[in-house]
């Protein structure tokens, strides 16, 4: 999948100490994809006892990563 990072997502990645490699892994090999609506998808993947969630705007070409976060509350989202 082709994608770009929004400025907001880059700020969040830096602030939350999440590597771009993790984000790319979540997008390319997700455990689950949630379709919120025609504009947004959420890619999820569990990595080392954390759930990573990547929010993507599909209406852009390439797709735009809106934000990224990780949580230890895995069961809440699965």
PDB file of N, CA and C in Angstrom:
ATOM      1  N   UNK A   1       0.833  -1.179   0.000  1.00  0.00           N
ATOM      2  CA  UNK A   1       0.000   0.000   0.000  1.00  0.00           C
ATOM      3  C   UNK A   1       0.880   1.247   0.000  1.00  0.00           C
ATOM      4  N   UNK A   2       0.549   2.174  -0.852  1.00  0.00           N
ATOM      5  CA  UNK A   2       1.259   3.452  -0.875  1.00  0.00           C
ATOM      6  C   UNK A   2       0.615   4.388   0.134  1.00  0.00           C
ATOM      7  N   UNK A   3       1.445   5.085   0.901  1.00  0.00           N
ATOM      8  CA  UNK A   3       0.915   5.991   1.909  1.00  0.00           C
ATOM      9  C   UNK A   3       1.901   7.110   2.191  1.00  0.00           C
ATOM     10  N   UNK A   4       1.371   8.172   2.776  1.00  0.00           N
ATOM     11  CA  UNK A   4       2.167   9.307   3.242  1.00  0.00           C
ATOM     12  C   UNK A   4       1.828   9.540   4.705  1.00  0.00           C
ATOM     13  N   UNK A   5       2.767  10.123   5.427  1.00  0.00           N
ATOM     14  CA  UNK A   5       2.541  10.498   6.811  1.00  0.00           C
ATOM     15  C   UNK A   5       2.056  11.942   6.862  1.00  0.00           C
ATOM     16  N   UNK A   6       0.975  12.200   7.569  1.00  0.00           N
ATOM     17  CA  UNK A   6       0.558  13.587   7.797  1.00  0.00           C
ATOM     18  C   UNK A   6       1.511  14.210   8.814  1.00  0.00           C
ATOM     19  N   UNK A   7       1.523  15.517   8.879  1.00  0.00           N
ATOM     20  CA  UNK A   7       2.349  16.183   9.888  1.00  0.00           C
ATOM     21  C   UNK A   7       1.942  15.756  11.285  1.00  0.00           C
ATOM     22  N   UNK A   8       0.640  15.646  11.494  1.00  0.00           N
ATOM     23  CA  UNK A   8       0.148  15.217  12.802  1.00  0.00           C
ATOM     24  C   UNK A   8       0.662  13.819  13.158  1.00  0.00           C
ATOM     25  N   UNK A   9       0.599  12.898  12.216  1.00  0.00           N
ATOM     26  CA  UNK A   9       1.062  11.539  12.499  1.00  0.00           C
ATOM     27  C   UNK A   9       2.557  11.519  12.815  1.00  0.00           C
ATOM     28  N   UNK A  10       3.327  12.324  12.119  1.00  0.00           N
ATOM     29  CA  UNK A  10       4.769  12.386  12.404  1.00  0.00           C
ATOM     30  C   UNK A  10       5.035  12.939  13.803  1.00  0.00           C
ATOM     31  N   UNK A  11       4.249  13.918  14.201  1.00  0.00           N
ATOM     32  CA  UNK A  11       4.380  14.453  15.566  1.00  0.00           C
ATOM     33  C   UNK A  11       4.027  13.397  16.607  1.00  0.00           C
ATOM     34  N   UNK A  12       2.953  12.661  16.344  1.00  0.00           N
ATOM     35  CA  UNK A  12       2.516  11.630  17.288  1.00  0.00           C
ATOM     36  C   UNK A  12       3.517  10.470  17.366  1.00  0.00           C
ATOM     37  N   UNK A  13       4.066  10.089  16.253  1.00  0.00           N
ATOM     38  CA  UNK A  13       5.073   9.026  16.231  1.00  0.00           C
ATOM     39  C   UNK A  13       6.274   9.433  17.076  1.00  0.00           C
ATOM     40  N   UNK A  14       6.698  10.664  16.901  1.00  0.00           N
ATOM     41  CA  UNK A  14       7.846  11.151  17.664  1.00  0.00           C
ATOM     42  C   UNK A  14       7.513  11.245  19.152  1.00  0.00           C
ATOM     43  N   UNK A  15       6.378  11.840  19.474  1.00  0.00           N
ATOM     44  CA  UNK A  15       5.978  12.033  20.861  1.00  0.00           C
ATOM     45  C   UNK A  15       5.783  10.702  21.588  1.00  0.00           C
ATOM     46  N   UNK A  16       5.262   9.700  20.867  1.00  0.00           N
ATOM     47  CA  UNK A  16       4.957   8.406  21.464  1.00  0.00           C
ATOM     48  C   UNK A  16       6.084   7.382  21.292  1.00  0.00           C
ATOM     49  N   UNK A  17       7.185   7.816  20.713  1.00  0.00           N
ATOM     50  CA  UNK A  17       8.357   6.944  20.502  1.00  0.00           C
ATOM     51  C   UNK A  17       7.992   5.666  19.750  1.00  0.00           C
ATOM     52  N   UNK A  18       7.297   5.838  18.647  1.00  0.00           N
ATOM     53  CA  UNK A  18       6.921   4.721  17.780  1.00  0.00           C
ATOM     54  C   UNK A  18       7.758   4.837  16.513  1.00  0.00           C
ATOM     55  N   UNK A  19       8.360   3.755  16.098  1.00  0.00           N
ATOM     56  CA  UNK A  19       9.199   3.804  14.899  1.00  0.00           C
ATOM     57  C   UNK A  19       8.342   3.739  13.629  1.00  0.00           C
ATOM     58  N   UNK A  20       8.861   4.343  12.577  1.00  0.00           N
ATOM     59  CA  UNK A  20       8.183   4.262  11.280  1.00  0.00           C
ATOM     60  C   UNK A  20       8.141   2.822  10.779  1.00  0.00           C
ATOM     61  N   UNK A  21       9.136   2.031  11.159  1.00  0.00           N
ATOM     62  CA  UNK A  21       9.166   0.622  10.752  1.00  0.00           C
ATOM     63  C   UNK A  21       7.976  -0.134  11.336  1.00  0.00           C
ATOM     64  N   UNK A  22       7.630   0.168  12.583  1.00  0.00           N
ATOM     65  CA  UNK A  22       6.459  -0.471  13.206  1.00  0.00           C
ATOM     66  C   UNK A  22       5.200  -0.056  12.454  1.00  0.00           C
ATOM     67  N   UNK A  23       5.083   1.216  12.146  1.00  0.00           N
ATOM     68  CA  UNK A  23       3.915   1.711  11.417  1.00  0.00           C
ATOM     69  C   UNK A  23       3.799   1.008  10.070  1.00  0.00           C
ATOM     70  N   UNK A  24       4.881   0.886   9.361  1.00  0.00           N
ATOM     71  CA  UNK A  24       4.865   0.210   8.066  1.00  0.00           C
ATOM     72  C   UNK A  24       4.478  -1.261   8.220  1.00  0.00           C
ATOM     73  N   UNK A  25       4.955  -1.916   9.268  1.00  0.00           N
ATOM     74  CA  UNK A  25       4.602  -3.316   9.507  1.00  0.00           C
ATOM     75  C   UNK A  25       3.104  -3.462   9.786  1.00  0.00           C
ATOM     76  N   UNK A  26       2.559  -2.547  10.580  1.00  0.00           N
ATOM     77  CA  UNK A  26       1.124  -2.587  10.886  1.00  0.00           C
ATOM     78  C   UNK A  26       0.308  -2.438   9.602  1.00  0.00           C
ATOM     79  N   UNK A  27       0.720  -1.535   8.743  1.00  0.00           N
ATOM     80  CA  UNK A  27      -0.015  -1.305   7.498  1.00  0.00           C
ATOM     81  C   UNK A  27       0.138  -2.472   6.527  1.00  0.00           C
ATOM     82  N   UNK A  28       1.321  -3.009   6.413  1.00  0.00           N
ATOM     83  CA  UNK A  28       1.582  -4.066   5.433  1.00  0.00           C
ATOM     84  C   UNK A  28       1.173  -5.457   5.894  1.00  0.00           C
ATOM     85  N   UNK A  29       1.127  -5.682   7.219  1.00  0.00           N
ATOM     86  CA  UNK A  29       0.752  -6.994   7.748  1.00  0.00           C
ATOM     87  C   UNK A  29      -0.147  -6.835   8.975  1.00  0.00           C
ATOM     88  N   UNK A  30      -1.311  -6.238   8.795  1.00  0.00           N
ATOM     89  CA  UNK A  30      -2.182  -6.003   9.948  1.00  0.00           C
ATOM     90  C   UNK A  30      -2.804  -7.299  10.465  1.00  0.00           C
ATOM     91  N   UNK A  31      -3.112  -7.312  11.745  1.00  0.00           N
ATOM     92  CA  UNK A  31      -3.896  -8.415  12.312  1.00  0.00           C
ATOM     93  C   UNK A  31      -5.374  -8.209  11.993  1.00  0.00           C
ATOM     94  N   UNK A  32      -5.762  -6.931  11.888  1.00  0.00           N
ATOM     95  CA  UNK A  32      -7.161  -6.605  11.632  1.00  0.00           C
ATOM     96  C   UNK A  32      -7.243  -5.223  10.979  1.00  0.00           C
ATOM     97  N   UNK A  33      -8.224  -5.077  10.088  1.00  0.00           N
ATOM     98  CA  UNK A  33      -8.514  -3.781   9.482  1.00  0.00           C
ATOM     99  C   UNK A  33      -9.973  -3.453   9.787  1.00  0.00           C
ATOM    100  N   UNK A  34     -10.175  -2.300  10.378  1.00  0.00           N
ATOM    101  CA  UNK A  34     -11.525  -1.849  10.709  1.00  0.00           C
ATOM    102  C   UNK A  34     -11.885  -0.730   9.741  1.00  0.00           C
ATOM    103  N   UNK A  35     -13.034  -0.890   9.094  1.00  0.00           N
ATOM    104  CA  UNK A  35     -13.493   0.141   8.167  1.00  0.00           C
ATOM    105  C   UNK A  35     -14.511   0.986   8.913  1.00  0.00           C
ATOM    106  N   UNK A  36     -14.131   2.198   9.258  1.00  0.00           N
ATOM    107  CA  UNK A  36     -15.009   3.110   9.995  1.00  0.00           C
ATOM    108  C   UNK A  36     -16.072   3.688   9.062  1.00  0.00           C
ATOM    109  N   UNK A  37     -15.655   4.118   7.909  1.00  0.00           N
ATOM    110  CA  UNK A  37     -16.544   4.617   6.873  1.00  0.00           C
ATOM    111  C   UNK A  37     -15.758   4.598   5.568  1.00  0.00           C
ATOM    112  N   UNK A  38     -16.317   5.164   4.544  1.00  0.00           N
ATOM    113  CA  UNK A  38     -15.629   5.112   3.242  1.00  0.00           C
ATOM    114  C   UNK A  38     -14.345   5.911   3.218  1.00  0.00           C
ATOM    115  N   UNK A  39     -14.158   6.783   4.202  1.00  0.00           N
ATOM    116  CA  UNK A  39     -12.967   7.631   4.222  1.00  0.00           C
ATOM    117  C   UNK A  39     -11.853   7.109   5.125  1.00  0.00           C
ATOM    118  N   UNK A  40     -12.192   6.315   6.115  1.00  0.00           N
ATOM    119  CA  UNK A  40     -11.186   5.963   7.117  1.00  0.00           C
ATOM    120  C   UNK A  40     -11.137   4.471   7.414  1.00  0.00           C
ATOM    121  N   UNK A  41      -9.911   3.974   7.521  1.00  0.00           N
ATOM    122  CA  UNK A  41      -9.652   2.607   7.966  1.00  0.00           C
ATOM    123  C   UNK A  41      -8.690   2.667   9.139  1.00  0.00           C
ATOM    124  N   UNK A  42      -8.829   1.683  10.025  1.00  0.00           N
ATOM    125  CA  UNK A  42      -7.907   1.562  11.148  1.00  0.00           C
ATOM    126  C   UNK A  42      -7.200   0.217  11.006  1.00  0.00           C
ATOM    127  N   UNK A  43      -5.888   0.262  10.894  1.00  0.00           N
ATOM    128  CA  UNK A  43      -5.083  -0.946  10.804  1.00  0.00           C
ATOM    129  C   UNK A  43      -4.558  -1.251  12.202  1.00  0.00           C
ATOM    130  N   UNK A  44      -4.680  -2.500  12.631  1.00  0.00           N
ATOM    131  CA  UNK A  44      -4.256  -2.883  13.974  1.00  0.00           C
ATOM    132  C   UNK A  44      -3.312  -4.072  13.919  1.00  0.00           C
ATOM    133  N   UNK A  45      -2.376  -4.086  14.856  1.00  0.00           N
ATOM    134  CA  UNK A  45      -1.461  -5.222  14.972  1.00  0.00           C
ATOM    135  C   UNK A  45      -0.899  -5.260  16.389  1.00  0.00           C
ATOM    136  N   UNK A  46      -0.829  -6.466  16.943  1.00  0.00           N
ATOM    137  CA  UNK A  46      -0.196  -6.658  18.247  1.00  0.00           C
ATOM    138  C   UNK A  46       1.279  -6.940  18.018  1.00  0.00           C
ATOM    139  N   UNK A  47       2.107  -6.147  18.700  1.00  0.00           N
ATOM    140  CA  UNK A  47       3.562  -6.298  18.620  1.00  0.00           C
ATOM    141  C   UNK A  47       4.104  -6.155  20.040  1.00  0.00           C
ATOM    142  N   UNK A  48       4.742  -7.202  20.528  1.00  0.00           N
ATOM    143  CA  UNK A  48       5.389  -7.180  21.840  1.00  0.00           C
ATOM    144  C   UNK A  48       4.477  -6.639  22.936  1.00  0.00           C
ATOM    145  N   UNK A  49       3.316  -7.257  23.110  1.00  0.00           N
ATOM    146  CA  UNK A  49       2.375  -6.931  24.194  1.00  0.00           C
ATOM    147  C   UNK A  49       1.752  -5.546  24.111  1.00  0.00           C
ATOM    148  N   UNK A  50       1.784  -4.954  22.937  1.00  0.00           N
ATOM    149  CA  UNK A  50       1.096  -3.686  22.702  1.00  0.00           C
ATOM    150  C   UNK A  50       0.311  -3.789  21.393  1.00  0.00           C
ATOM    151  N   UNK A  51      -0.822  -3.125  21.389  1.00  0.00           N
ATOM    152  CA  UNK A  51      -1.606  -3.026  20.171  1.00  0.00           C
ATOM    153  C   UNK A  51      -1.308  -1.681  19.523  1.00  0.00           C
ATOM    154  N   UNK A  52      -0.904  -1.721  18.284  1.00  0.00           N
ATOM    155  CA  UNK A  52      -0.643  -0.506  17.517  1.00  0.00           C
ATOM    156  C   UNK A  52      -1.847  -0.272  16.611  1.00  0.00           C
ATOM    157  N   UNK A  53      -2.291   0.976  16.553  1.00  0.00           N
ATOM    158  CA  UNK A  53      -3.427   1.353  15.712  1.00  0.00           C
ATOM    159  C   UNK A  53      -3.001   2.501  14.802  1.00  0.00           C
ATOM    160  N   UNK A  54      -3.229   2.329  13.507  1.00  0.00           N
ATOM    161  CA  UNK A  54      -2.861   3.321  12.502  1.00  0.00           C
ATOM    162  C   UNK A  54      -4.138   3.731  11.770  1.00  0.00           C
ATOM    163  N   UNK A  55      -4.457   5.021  11.845  1.00  0.00           N
ATOM    164  CA  UNK A  55      -5.659   5.563  11.225  1.00  0.00           C
ATOM    165  C   UNK A  55      -5.285   6.158   9.870  1.00  0.00           C
ATOM    166  N   UNK A  56      -5.989   5.695   8.831  1.00  0.00           N
ATOM    167  CA  UNK A  56      -5.634   6.061   7.459  1.00  0.00           C
ATOM    168  C   UNK A  56      -6.841   6.644   6.723  1.00  0.00           C
ATOM    169  N   UNK A  57      -6.587   7.748   6.018  1.00  0.00           N
ATOM    170  CA  UNK A  57      -7.581   8.340   5.138  1.00  0.00           C
ATOM    171  C   UNK A  57      -7.372   7.743   3.757  1.00  0.00           C
ATOM    172  N   UNK A  58      -8.366   7.013   3.285  1.00  0.00           N
ATOM    173  CA  UNK A  58      -8.264   6.334   1.988  1.00  0.00           C
ATOM    174  C   UNK A  58      -8.625   7.209   0.799  1.00  0.00           C
ATOM    175  N   UNK A  59      -9.190   8.370   1.052  1.00  0.00           N
ATOM    176  CA  UNK A  59      -9.595   9.235  -0.061  1.00  0.00           C
ATOM    177  C   UNK A  59      -8.428   9.963  -0.706  1.00  0.00           C
ATOM    178  N   UNK A  60      -7.295   9.892  -0.084  1.00  0.00           N
ATOM    179  CA  UNK A  60      -6.100  10.530  -0.637  1.00  0.00           C
ATOM    180  C   UNK A  60      -5.334   9.516  -1.471  1.00  0.00           C
ATOM    181  N   UNK A  61      -4.574  10.026  -2.419  1.00  0.00           N
ATOM    182  CA  UNK A  61      -3.730   9.145  -3.209  1.00  0.00           C
ATOM    183  C   UNK A  61      -2.333   9.752  -3.272  1.00  0.00           C
ATOM    184  N   UNK A  62      -1.366   9.160  -2.601  1.00  0.00           N
ATOM    185  CA  UNK A  62      -1.447   7.931  -1.807  1.00  0.00           C
ATOM    186  C   UNK A  62      -2.229   8.152  -0.509  1.00  0.00           C
ATOM    187  N   UNK A  63      -2.608   7.043   0.132  1.00  0.00           N
ATOM    188  CA  UNK A  63      -3.357   7.109   1.385  1.00  0.00           C
ATOM    189  C   UNK A  63      -2.575   7.906   2.422  1.00  0.00           C
ATOM    190  N   UNK A  64      -3.317   8.590   3.289  1.00  0.00           N
ATOM    191  CA  UNK A  64      -2.702   9.475   4.264  1.00  0.00           C
ATOM    192  C   UNK A  64      -2.842   8.901   5.670  1.00  0.00           C
ATOM    193  N   UNK A  65      -1.713   8.711   6.343  1.00  0.00           N
ATOM    194  CA  UNK A  65      -1.732   8.267   7.732  1.00  0.00           C
ATOM    195  C   UNK A  65      -2.084   9.486   8.583  1.00  0.00           C
ATOM    196  N   UNK A  66      -3.222   9.405   9.279  1.00  0.00           N
ATOM    197  CA  UNK A  66      -3.708  10.535  10.070  1.00  0.00           C
ATOM    198  C   UNK A  66      -3.088  10.564  11.463  1.00  0.00           C
ATOM    199  N   UNK A  67      -3.066   9.406  12.118  1.00  0.00           N
ATOM    200  CA  UNK A  67      -2.462   9.324  13.447  1.00  0.00           C
ATOM    201  C   UNK A  67      -2.111   7.889  13.762  1.00  0.00           C
ATOM    202  N   UNK A  68      -1.294   7.722  14.807  1.00  0.00           N
ATOM    203  CA  UNK A  68      -0.804   6.406  15.225  1.00  0.00           C
ATOM    204  C   UNK A  68      -0.703   6.407  16.738  1.00  0.00           C
ATOM    205  N   UNK A  69      -1.092   5.295  17.347  1.00  0.00           N
ATOM    206  CA  UNK A  69      -0.825   5.159  18.777  1.00  0.00           C
ATOM    207  C   UNK A  69      -0.692   3.693  19.142  1.00  0.00           C
ATOM    208  N   UNK A  70      -0.196   3.461  20.361  1.00  0.00           N
ATOM    209  CA  UNK A  70      -0.099   2.099  20.875  1.00  0.00           C
ATOM    210  C   UNK A  70      -0.780   2.076  22.235  1.00  0.00           C
ATOM    211  N   UNK A  71      -1.295   0.900  22.578  1.00  0.00           N
ATOM    212  CA  UNK A  71      -1.968   0.717  23.854  1.00  0.00           C
ATOM    213  C   UNK A  71      -1.687  -0.680  24.389  1.00  0.00           C
ATOM    214  N   UNK A  72      -1.728  -0.795  25.699  1.00  0.00           N
ATOM    215  CA  UNK A  72      -1.594  -2.114  26.327  1.00  0.00           C
ATOM    216  C   UNK A  72      -2.967  -2.739  26.538  1.00  0.00           C
ATOM    217  N   UNK A  73      -4.035  -2.003  26.262  1.00  0.00           N
ATOM    218  CA  UNK A  73      -5.413  -2.494  26.431  1.00  0.00           C
ATOM    219  C   UNK A  73      -5.864  -3.241  25.178  1.00  0.00           C
ATOM    220  N   UNK A  74      -5.197  -4.332  24.922  1.00  0.00           N
ATOM    221  CA  UNK A  74      -5.414  -5.089  23.679  1.00  0.00           C
ATOM    222  C   UNK A  74      -6.836  -5.595  23.572  1.00  0.00           C
ATOM    223  N   UNK A  75      -7.361  -6.181  24.639  1.00  0.00           N
ATOM    224  CA  UNK A  75      -8.704  -6.781  24.562  1.00  0.00           C
ATOM    225  C   UNK A  75      -9.787  -5.753  24.320  1.00  0.00           C
ATOM    226  N   UNK A  76      -9.561  -4.516  24.677  1.00  0.00           N
ATOM    227  CA  UNK A  76     -10.548  -3.455  24.444  1.00  0.00           C
ATOM    228  C   UNK A  76     -10.837  -3.275  22.954  1.00  0.00           C
ATOM    229  N   UNK A  77      -9.832  -3.472  22.122  1.00  0.00           N
ATOM    230  CA  UNK A  77      -9.963  -3.205  20.685  1.00  0.00           C
ATOM    231  C   UNK A  77     -10.069  -4.460  19.818  1.00  0.00           C
ATOM    232  N   UNK A  78      -9.851  -5.609  20.388  1.00  0.00           N
ATOM    233  CA  UNK A  78      -9.956  -6.842  19.597  1.00  0.00           C
ATOM    234  C   UNK A  78     -11.242  -7.529  19.863  1.00  0.00           C
TER     235      UNK A  78
END
